[in-house]
Amino acid sequence: MAEPAAPGRGQRKVTVVVGAVLVGLLVLTLAGCGCVVWASRGGPRWTRAVAALTLGAGGIVRSQARRRRRQARRLGGDNSGEGGGD
C-alpha cells in the first residue's frame, strides 16, 4: 500500500495561519472577559467600553446559535453534533 503524501509547504503555511488566527481569537476573548470582570469592579472607562463590546459579541453569537438550532429542528435535521440545550 502507498503511504499518504506528506502535506506540502503551502498546506503547512495555511495550517500555521489558521492556528495563529485561532490563538489570536482566544487571546481577544480572554482579554474581553478580563475587561468584563475589571469593569464590573469599577475599572477605567476603556474597560467598560471593551466589556460592552465583549458582551454584545457574546449576545450575537448566542442568538446565532439559537437561530441555527431552530432552523435545524424546523427542517428536521439532526443536531446531535451541537452541544447543550437551553
PDB file of N, CA and C in Angstrom:
ATOM      1  N   MET A   1       0.838  -1.188   0.000  1.00  0.00           N
ATOM      2  CA  MET A   1       0.000   0.000   0.000  1.00  0.00           C
ATOM      3  C   MET A   1       0.876   1.242   0.000  1.00  0.00           C
ATOM      4  N   ALA A   2       0.409   2.251  -0.668  1.00  0.00           N
ATOM      5  CA  ALA A   2       1.152   3.507  -0.719  1.00  0.00           C
ATOM      6  C   ALA A   2       0.825   4.334   0.518  1.00  0.00           C
ATOM      7  N   GLU A   3       1.842   4.983   1.065  1.00  0.00           N
ATOM      8  CA  GLU A   3       1.640   5.849   2.226  1.00  0.00           C
ATOM      9  C   GLU A   3       1.076   7.180   1.757  1.00  0.00           C
ATOM     10  N   PRO A   4       0.266   7.826   2.603  1.00  0.00           N
ATOM     11  CA  PRO A   4      -0.276   9.136   2.223  1.00  0.00           C
ATOM     12  C   PRO A   4       0.852  10.142   2.052  1.00  0.00           C
ATOM     13  N   ALA A   5       0.657  11.018   1.097  1.00  0.00           N
ATOM     14  CA  ALA A   5       1.673  12.042   0.827  1.00  0.00           C
ATOM     15  C   ALA A   5       1.745  13.025   1.982  1.00  0.00           C
ATOM     16  N   ALA A   6       2.952  13.459   2.267  1.00  0.00           N
ATOM     17  CA  ALA A   6       3.155  14.469   3.311  1.00  0.00           C
ATOM     18  C   ALA A   6       2.565  15.784   2.845  1.00  0.00           C
ATOM     19  N   PRO A   7       2.039  16.574   3.790  1.00  0.00           N
ATOM     20  CA  PRO A   7       1.463  17.862   3.391  1.00  0.00           C
ATOM     21  C   PRO A   7       2.521  18.748   2.739  1.00  0.00           C
ATOM     22  N   GLY A   8       2.104  19.463   1.724  1.00  0.00           N
ATOM     23  CA  GLY A   8       3.020  20.349   1.011  1.00  0.00           C
ATOM     24  C   GLY A   8       3.324  21.600   1.811  1.00  0.00           C
ATOM     25  N   ARG A   9       4.279  22.344   1.314  1.00  0.00           N
ATOM     26  CA  ARG A   9       4.708  23.559   2.009  1.00  0.00           C
ATOM     27  C   ARG A   9       3.575  24.575   2.123  1.00  0.00           C
ATOM     28  N   GLY A  10       2.787  24.704   1.056  1.00  0.00           N
ATOM     29  CA  GLY A  10       1.668  25.653   1.084  1.00  0.00           C
ATOM     30  C   GLY A  10       0.617  25.267   2.103  1.00  0.00           C
ATOM     31  N   GLN A  11       0.380  23.968   2.232  1.00  0.00           N
ATOM     32  CA  GLN A  11      -0.603  23.495   3.199  1.00  0.00           C
ATOM     33  C   GLN A  11      -0.130  23.757   4.625  1.00  0.00           C
ATOM     34  N   ARG A  12       1.149  23.627   4.873  1.00  0.00           N
ATOM     35  CA  ARG A  12       1.685  23.926   6.210  1.00  0.00           C
ATOM     36  C   ARG A  12       1.509  25.395   6.556  1.00  0.00           C
ATOM     37  N   LYS A  13       1.727  26.271   5.567  1.00  0.00           N
ATOM     38  CA  LYS A  13       1.561  27.710   5.819  1.00  0.00           C
ATOM     39  C   LYS A  13       0.125  28.032   6.191  1.00  0.00           C
ATOM     40  N   VAL A  14      -0.816  27.407   5.486  1.00  0.00           N
ATOM     41  CA  VAL A  14      -2.230  27.648   5.784  1.00  0.00           C
ATOM     42  C   VAL A  14      -2.544  27.171   7.193  1.00  0.00           C
ATOM     43  N   THR A  15      -2.022  26.022   7.575  1.00  0.00           N
ATOM     44  CA  THR A  15      -2.256  25.492   8.913  1.00  0.00           C
ATOM     45  C   THR A  15      -1.698  26.428   9.974  1.00  0.00           C
ATOM     46  N   VAL A  16      -0.515  26.970   9.725  1.00  0.00           N
ATOM     47  CA  VAL A  16       0.094  27.894  10.683  1.00  0.00           C
ATOM     48  C   VAL A  16      -0.737  29.169  10.789  1.00  0.00           C
ATOM     49  N   VAL A  17      -1.221  29.674   9.669  1.00  0.00           N
ATOM     50  CA  VAL A  17      -2.019  30.905   9.679  1.00  0.00           C
ATOM     51  C   VAL A  17      -3.336  30.669  10.410  1.00  0.00           C
ATOM     52  N   VAL A  18      -3.991  29.544  10.126  1.00  0.00           N
ATOM     53  CA  VAL A  18      -5.253  29.241  10.805  1.00  0.00           C
ATOM     54  C   VAL A  18      -5.012  29.109  12.307  1.00  0.00           C
ATOM     55  N   GLY A  19      -3.940  28.431  12.694  1.00  0.00           N
ATOM     56  CA  GLY A  19      -3.611  28.300  14.113  1.00  0.00           C
ATOM     57  C   GLY A  19      -3.349  29.647  14.759  1.00  0.00           C
ATOM     58  N   ALA A  20      -2.637  30.524  14.058  1.00  0.00           N
ATOM     59  CA  ALA A  20      -2.353  31.849  14.598  1.00  0.00           C
ATOM     60  C   ALA A  20      -3.638  32.665  14.766  1.00  0.00           C
ATOM     61  N   VAL A  21      -4.553  32.548  13.821  1.00  0.00           N
ATOM     62  CA  VAL A  21      -5.826  33.272  13.919  1.00  0.00           C
ATOM     63  C   VAL A  21      -6.636  32.749  15.109  1.00  0.00           C
ATOM     64  N   LEU A  22      -6.668  31.424  15.287  1.00  0.00           N
ATOM     65  CA  LEU A  22      -7.408  30.857  16.415  1.00  0.00           C
ATOM     66  C   LEU A  22      -6.809  31.267  17.753  1.00  0.00           C
ATOM     67  N   VAL A  23      -5.486  31.288  17.843  1.00  0.00           N
ATOM     68  CA  VAL A  23      -4.831  31.735  19.076  1.00  0.00           C
ATOM     69  C   VAL A  23      -5.144  33.214  19.322  1.00  0.00           C
ATOM     70  N   GLY A  24      -5.119  34.017  18.269  1.00  0.00           N
ATOM     71  CA  GLY A  24      -5.452  35.434  18.400  1.00  0.00           C
ATOM     72  C   GLY A  24      -6.877  35.641  18.900  1.00  0.00           C
ATOM     73  N   LEU A  25      -7.823  34.861  18.368  1.00  0.00           N
ATOM     74  CA  LEU A  25      -9.209  34.962  18.825  1.00  0.00           C
ATOM     75  C   LEU A  25      -9.344  34.542  20.286  1.00  0.00           C
ATOM     76  N   LEU A  26      -8.602  33.523  20.680  1.00  0.00           N
ATOM     77  CA  LEU A  26      -8.629  33.087  22.074  1.00  0.00           C
ATOM     78  C   LEU A  26      -8.092  34.178  22.998  1.00  0.00           C
ATOM     79  N   VAL A  27      -7.000  34.817  22.599  1.00  0.00           N
ATOM     80  CA  VAL A  27      -6.416  35.894  23.408  1.00  0.00           C
ATOM     81  C   VAL A  27      -7.394  37.068  23.519  1.00  0.00           C
ATOM     82  N   LEU A  28      -8.030  37.438  22.403  1.00  0.00           N
ATOM     83  CA  LEU A  28      -9.005  38.538  22.442  1.00  0.00           C
ATOM     84  C   LEU A  28     -10.193  38.188  23.335  1.00  0.00           C
ATOM     85  N   THR A  29     -10.648  36.950  23.263  1.00  0.00           N
ATOM     86  CA  THR A  29     -11.776  36.523  24.093  1.00  0.00           C
ATOM     87  C   THR A  29     -11.420  36.581  25.571  1.00  0.00           C
ATOM     88  N   LEU A  30     -10.255  36.070  25.920  1.00  0.00           N
ATOM     89  CA  LEU A  30      -9.833  36.106  27.322  1.00  0.00           C
ATOM     90  C   LEU A  30      -9.631  37.537  27.816  1.00  0.00           C
ATOM     91  N   ALA A  31      -9.063  38.386  26.960  1.00  0.00           N
ATOM     92  CA  ALA A  31      -8.887  39.795  27.340  1.00  0.00           C
ATOM     93  C   ALA A  31     -10.241  40.474  27.534  1.00  0.00           C
ATOM     94  N   GLY A  32     -11.195  40.154  26.664  1.00  0.00           N
ATOM     95  CA  GLY A  32     -12.536  40.715  26.804  1.00  0.00           C
ATOM     96  C   GLY A  32     -13.200  40.274  28.099  1.00  0.00           C
ATOM     97  N   CYS A  33     -13.032  38.998  28.442  1.00  0.00           N
ATOM     98  CA  CYS A  33     -13.596  38.502  29.702  1.00  0.00           C
ATOM     99  C   CYS A  33     -12.942  39.194  30.897  1.00  0.00           C
ATOM    100  N   GLY A  34     -11.642  39.402  30.806  1.00  0.00           N
ATOM    101  CA  GLY A  34     -10.944  40.120  31.867  1.00  0.00           C
ATOM    102  C   GLY A  34     -11.458  41.541  32.010  1.00  0.00           C
ATOM    103  N   CYS A  35     -11.752  42.187  30.895  1.00  0.00           N
ATOM    104  CA  CYS A  35     -12.293  43.549  30.948  1.00  0.00           C
ATOM    105  C   CYS A  35     -13.696  43.575  31.539  1.00  0.00           C
ATOM    106  N   VAL A  36     -14.491  42.537  31.270  1.00  0.00           N
ATOM    107  CA  VAL A  36     -15.828  42.472  31.858  1.00  0.00           C
ATOM    108  C   VAL A  36     -15.711  42.416  33.383  1.00  0.00           C
ATOM    109  N   VAL A  37     -14.804  41.593  33.885  1.00  0.00           N
ATOM    110  CA  VAL A  37     -14.621  41.480  35.337  1.00  0.00           C
ATOM    111  C   VAL A  37     -14.085  42.794  35.907  1.00  0.00           C
ATOM    112  N   TRP A  38     -13.074  43.349  35.243  1.00  0.00           N
ATOM    113  CA  TRP A  38     -12.467  44.587  35.724  1.00  0.00           C
ATOM    114  C   TRP A  38     -13.485  45.727  35.720  1.00  0.00           C
ATOM    115  N   ALA A  39     -14.283  45.830  34.644  1.00  0.00           N
ATOM    116  CA  ALA A  39     -15.273  46.903  34.548  1.00  0.00           C
ATOM    117  C   ALA A  39     -16.349  46.744  35.620  1.00  0.00           C
ATOM    118  N   SER A  40     -16.699  45.500  35.944  1.00  0.00           N
ATOM    119  CA  SER A  40     -17.719  45.287  36.981  1.00  0.00           C
ATOM    120  C   SER A  40     -17.211  45.714  38.356  1.00  0.00           C
ATOM    121  N   ARG A  41     -15.897  45.778  38.508  1.00  0.00           N
ATOM    122  CA  ARG A  41     -15.308  46.216  39.782  1.00  0.00           C
ATOM    123  C   ARG A  41     -14.920  47.691  39.751  1.00  0.00           C
ATOM    124  N   GLY A  42     -15.410  48.425  38.739  1.00  0.00           N
ATOM    125  CA  GLY A  42     -15.177  49.864  38.691  1.00  0.00           C
ATOM    126  C   GLY A  42     -13.903  50.258  37.982  1.00  0.00           C
ATOM    127  N   GLY A  43     -13.535  49.530  36.958  1.00  0.00           N
ATOM    128  CA  GLY A  43     -12.315  49.824  36.215  1.00  0.00           C
ATOM    129  C   GLY A  43     -12.423  51.111  35.403  1.00  0.00           C
ATOM    130  N   PRO A  44     -11.358  51.450  34.689  1.00  0.00           N
ATOM    131  CA  PRO A  44     -11.371  52.664  33.874  1.00  0.00           C
ATOM    132  C   PRO A  44     -12.421  52.614  32.766  1.00  0.00           C
ATOM    133  N   ARG A  45     -12.668  53.762  32.170  1.00  0.00           N
ATOM    134  CA  ARG A  45     -13.710  53.888  31.149  1.00  0.00           C
ATOM    135  C   ARG A  45     -13.471  52.954  29.972  1.00  0.00           C
ATOM    136  N   TRP A  46     -12.214  52.794  29.542  1.00  0.00           N
ATOM    137  CA  TRP A  46     -11.955  51.953  28.373  1.00  0.00           C
ATOM    138  C   TRP A  46     -12.309  50.499  28.644  1.00  0.00           C
ATOM    139  N   THR A  47     -12.196  50.048  29.916  1.00  0.00           N
ATOM    140  CA  THR A  47     -12.580  48.666  30.210  1.00  0.00           C
ATOM    141  C   THR A  47     -14.084  48.481  30.098  1.00  0.00           C
ATOM    142  N   ARG A  48     -14.836  49.534  30.444  1.00  0.00           N
ATOM    143  CA  ARG A  48     -16.292  49.442  30.296  1.00  0.00           C
ATOM    144  C   ARG A  48     -16.676  49.370  28.831  1.00  0.00           C
ATOM    145  N   ALA A  49     -15.955  50.092  27.975  1.00  0.00           N
ATOM    146  CA  ALA A  49     -16.233  50.036  26.533  1.00  0.00           C
ATOM    147  C   ALA A  49     -15.908  48.651  25.969  1.00  0.00           C
ATOM    148  N   VAL A  50     -14.758  48.107  26.350  1.00  0.00           N
ATOM    149  CA  VAL A  50     -14.376  46.770  25.876  1.00  0.00           C
ATOM    150  C   VAL A  50     -15.339  45.719  26.425  1.00  0.00           C
ATOM    151  N   ALA A  51     -15.766  45.882  27.677  1.00  0.00           N
ATOM    152  CA  ALA A  51     -16.714  44.944  28.266  1.00  0.00           C
ATOM    153  C   ALA A  51     -18.043  44.974  27.519  1.00  0.00           C
ATOM    154  N   ALA A  52     -18.498  46.174  27.151  1.00  0.00           N
ATOM    155  CA  ALA A  52     -19.747  46.287  26.403  1.00  0.00           C
ATOM    156  C   ALA A  52     -19.632  45.604  25.042  1.00  0.00           C
ATOM    157  N   LEU A  53     -18.495  45.785  24.370  1.00  0.00           N
ATOM    158  CA  LEU A  53     -18.280  45.119  23.085  1.00  0.00           C
ATOM    159  C   LEU A  53     -18.242  43.600  23.246  1.00  0.00           C
ATOM    160  N   THR A  54     -17.583  43.140  24.288  1.00  0.00           N
ATOM    161  CA  THR A  54     -17.478  41.700  24.540  1.00  0.00           C
ATOM    162  C   THR A  54     -18.855  41.095  24.814  1.00  0.00           C
ATOM    163  N   LEU A  55     -19.627  41.749  25.660  1.00  0.00           N
ATOM    164  CA  LEU A  55     -20.964  41.241  25.968  1.00  0.00           C
ATOM    165  C   LEU A  55     -21.875  41.303  24.743  1.00  0.00           C
ATOM    166  N   GLY A  56     -21.738  42.338  23.937  1.00  0.00           N
ATOM    167  CA  GLY A  56     -22.520  42.430  22.704  1.00  0.00           C
ATOM    168  C   GLY A  56     -22.170  41.324  21.725  1.00  0.00           C
ATOM    169  N   ALA A  57     -20.880  41.050  21.570  1.00  0.00           N
ATOM    170  CA  ALA A  57     -20.445  39.971  20.673  1.00  0.00           C
ATOM    171  C   ALA A  57     -20.952  38.623  21.186  1.00  0.00           C
ATOM    172  N   GLY A  58     -20.920  38.426  22.499  1.00  0.00           N
ATOM    173  CA  GLY A  58     -21.438  37.189  23.074  1.00  0.00           C
ATOM    174  C   GLY A  58     -22.928  37.025  22.821  1.00  0.00           C
ATOM    175  N   GLY A  59     -23.666  38.111  22.904  1.00  0.00           N
ATOM    176  CA  GLY A  59     -25.104  38.061  22.619  1.00  0.00           C
ATOM    177  C   GLY A  59     -25.385  37.707  21.168  1.00  0.00           C
ATOM    178  N   ILE A  60     -24.575  38.244  20.261  1.00  0.00           N
ATOM    179  CA  ILE A  60     -24.750  37.932  18.838  1.00  0.00           C
ATOM    180  C   ILE A  60     -24.466  36.453  18.573  1.00  0.00           C
ATOM    181  N   VAL A  61     -23.385  35.949  19.147  1.00  0.00           N
ATOM    182  CA  VAL A  61     -23.037  34.537  18.966  1.00  0.00           C
ATOM    183  C   VAL A  61     -24.140  33.644  19.533  1.00  0.00           C
ATOM    184  N   ARG A  62     -24.654  33.996  20.695  1.00  0.00           N
ATOM    185  CA  ARG A  62     -25.723  33.209  21.317  1.00  0.00           C
ATOM    186  C   ARG A  62     -26.981  33.208  20.455  1.00  0.00           C
ATOM    187  N   SER A  63     -27.372  34.364  19.922  1.00  0.00           N
ATOM    188  CA  SER A  63     -28.584  34.421  19.116  1.00  0.00           C
ATOM    189  C   SER A  63     -28.415  33.650  17.806  1.00  0.00           C
ATOM    190  N   GLN A  64     -27.220  33.684  17.228  1.00  0.00           N
ATOM    191  CA  GLN A  64     -26.976  32.918  16.003  1.00  0.00           C
ATOM    192  C   GLN A  64     -27.068  31.418  16.270  1.00  0.00           C
ATOM    193  N   ALA A  65     -26.544  30.970  17.400  1.00  0.00           N
ATOM    194  CA  ALA A  65     -26.609  29.546  17.742  1.00  0.00           C
ATOM    195  C   ALA A  65     -28.071  29.116  17.936  1.00  0.00           C
ATOM    196  N   ARG A  66     -28.854  29.941  18.596  1.00  0.00           N
ATOM    197  CA  ARG A  66     -30.275  29.616  18.781  1.00  0.00           C
ATOM    198  C   ARG A  66     -30.986  29.548  17.443  1.00  0.00           C
ATOM    199  N   ARG A  67     -30.693  30.493  16.560  1.00  0.00           N
ATOM    200  CA  ARG A  67     -31.336  30.517  15.246  1.00  0.00           C
ATOM    201  C   ARG A  67     -30.987  29.256  14.456  1.00  0.00           C
ATOM    202  N   ARG A  68     -29.716  28.845  14.510  1.00  0.00           N
ATOM    203  CA  ARG A  68     -29.306  27.622  13.805  1.00  0.00           C
ATOM    204  C   ARG A  68     -30.025  26.399  14.352  1.00  0.00           C
ATOM    205  N   ARG A  69     -30.153  26.315  15.684  1.00  0.00           N
ATOM    206  CA  ARG A  69     -30.842  25.165  16.284  1.00  0.00           C
ATOM    207  C   ARG A  69     -32.306  25.142  15.883  1.00  0.00           C
ATOM    208  N   ARG A  70     -32.957  26.319  15.894  1.00  0.00           N
ATOM    209  CA  ARG A  70     -34.366  26.380  15.495  1.00  0.00           C
ATOM    210  C   ARG A  70     -34.541  25.949  14.046  1.00  0.00           C
ATOM    211  N   GLN A  71     -33.662  26.424  13.167  1.00  0.00           N
ATOM    212  CA  GLN A  71     -33.764  26.047  11.756  1.00  0.00           C
ATOM    213  C   GLN A  71     -33.531  24.561  11.570  1.00  0.00           C
ATOM    214  N   ALA A  72     -32.593  23.983  12.308  1.00  0.00           N
ATOM    215  CA  ALA A  72     -32.320  22.551  12.189  1.00  0.00           C
ATOM    216  C   ALA A  72     -33.531  21.744  12.643  1.00  0.00           C
ATOM    217  N   ARG A  73     -34.176  22.173  13.719  1.00  0.00           N
ATOM    218  CA  ARG A  73     -35.372  21.468  14.189  1.00  0.00           C
ATOM    219  C   ARG A  73     -36.499  21.585  13.183  1.00  0.00           C
ATOM    220  N   ARG A  74     -36.675  22.786  12.629  1.00  0.00           N
ATOM    221  CA  ARG A  74     -37.768  23.020  11.686  1.00  0.00           C
ATOM    222  C   ARG A  74     -37.575  22.205  10.416  1.00  0.00           C
ATOM    223  N   LEU A  75     -36.330  22.072   9.987  1.00  0.00           N
ATOM    224  CA  LEU A  75     -36.042  21.314   8.777  1.00  0.00           C
ATOM    225  C   LEU A  75     -35.909  19.825   9.054  1.00  0.00           C
ATOM    226  N   GLY A  76     -36.010  19.426  10.311  1.00  0.00           N
ATOM    227  CA  GLY A  76     -35.913  18.019  10.655  1.00  0.00           C
ATOM    228  C   GLY A  76     -34.485  17.494  10.617  1.00  0.00           C
ATOM    229  N   GLY A  77     -33.521  18.403  10.684  1.00  0.00           N
ATOM    230  CA  GLY A  77     -32.122  17.994  10.655  1.00  0.00           C
ATOM    231  C   GLY A  77     -31.697  17.396  11.973  1.00  0.00           C
ATOM    232  N   ASP A  78     -30.652  16.604  11.927  1.00  0.00           N
ATOM    233  CA  ASP A  78     -30.100  16.001  13.137  1.00  0.00           C
ATOM    234  C   ASP A  78     -29.081  16.972  13.711  1.00  0.00           C
ATOM    235  N   ASN A  79     -29.334  17.500  14.896  1.00  0.00           N
ATOM    236  CA  ASN A  79     -28.411  18.441  15.508  1.00  0.00           C
ATOM    237  C   ASN A  79     -27.697  17.804  16.685  1.00  0.00           C
ATOM    238  N   SER A  80     -27.482  16.482  16.617  1.00  0.00           N
ATOM    239  CA  SER A  80     -26.819  15.801  17.730  1.00  0.00           C
ATOM    240  C   SER A  80     -25.376  16.247  17.892  1.00  0.00           C
ATOM    241  N   GLY A  81     -24.764  16.819  16.851  1.00  0.00           N
ATOM    242  CA  GLY A  81     -23.393  17.283  16.947  1.00  0.00           C
ATOM    243  C   GLY A  81     -23.256  18.586  17.701  1.00  0.00           C
ATOM    244  N   GLU A  82     -24.350  19.304  17.861  1.00  0.00           N
ATOM    245  CA  GLU A  82     -24.289  20.569  18.582  1.00  0.00           C
ATOM    246  C   GLU A  82     -24.414  20.310  20.069  1.00  0.00           C
ATOM    247  N   GLY A  83     -23.685  21.066  20.826  1.00  0.00           N
ATOM    248  CA  GLY A  83     -23.653  20.823  22.264  1.00  0.00           C
ATOM    249  C   GLY A  83     -24.733  21.542  23.015  1.00  0.00           C
ATOM    250  N   GLY A  84     -25.200  20.908  24.074  1.00  0.00           N
ATOM    251  CA  GLY A  84     -26.051  21.541  25.067  1.00  0.00           C
ATOM    252  C   GLY A  84     -27.421  21.971  24.582  1.00  0.00           C
ATOM    253  N   GLY A  85     -28.275  22.193  25.519  1.00  0.00           N
ATOM    254  CA  GLY A  85     -29.600  22.696  25.236  1.00  0.00           C
ATOM    255  C   GLY A  85     -29.881  23.914  26.083  1.00  0.00           C
ATOM    256  N   ASP A  86     -30.998  24.557  25.836  1.00  0.00           N
ATOM    257  CA  ASP A  86     -31.343  25.758  26.608  1.00  0.00           C
ATOM    258  C   ASP A  86     -32.090  25.402  27.851  1.00  0.00           C
TER     259      ASP A  86
END
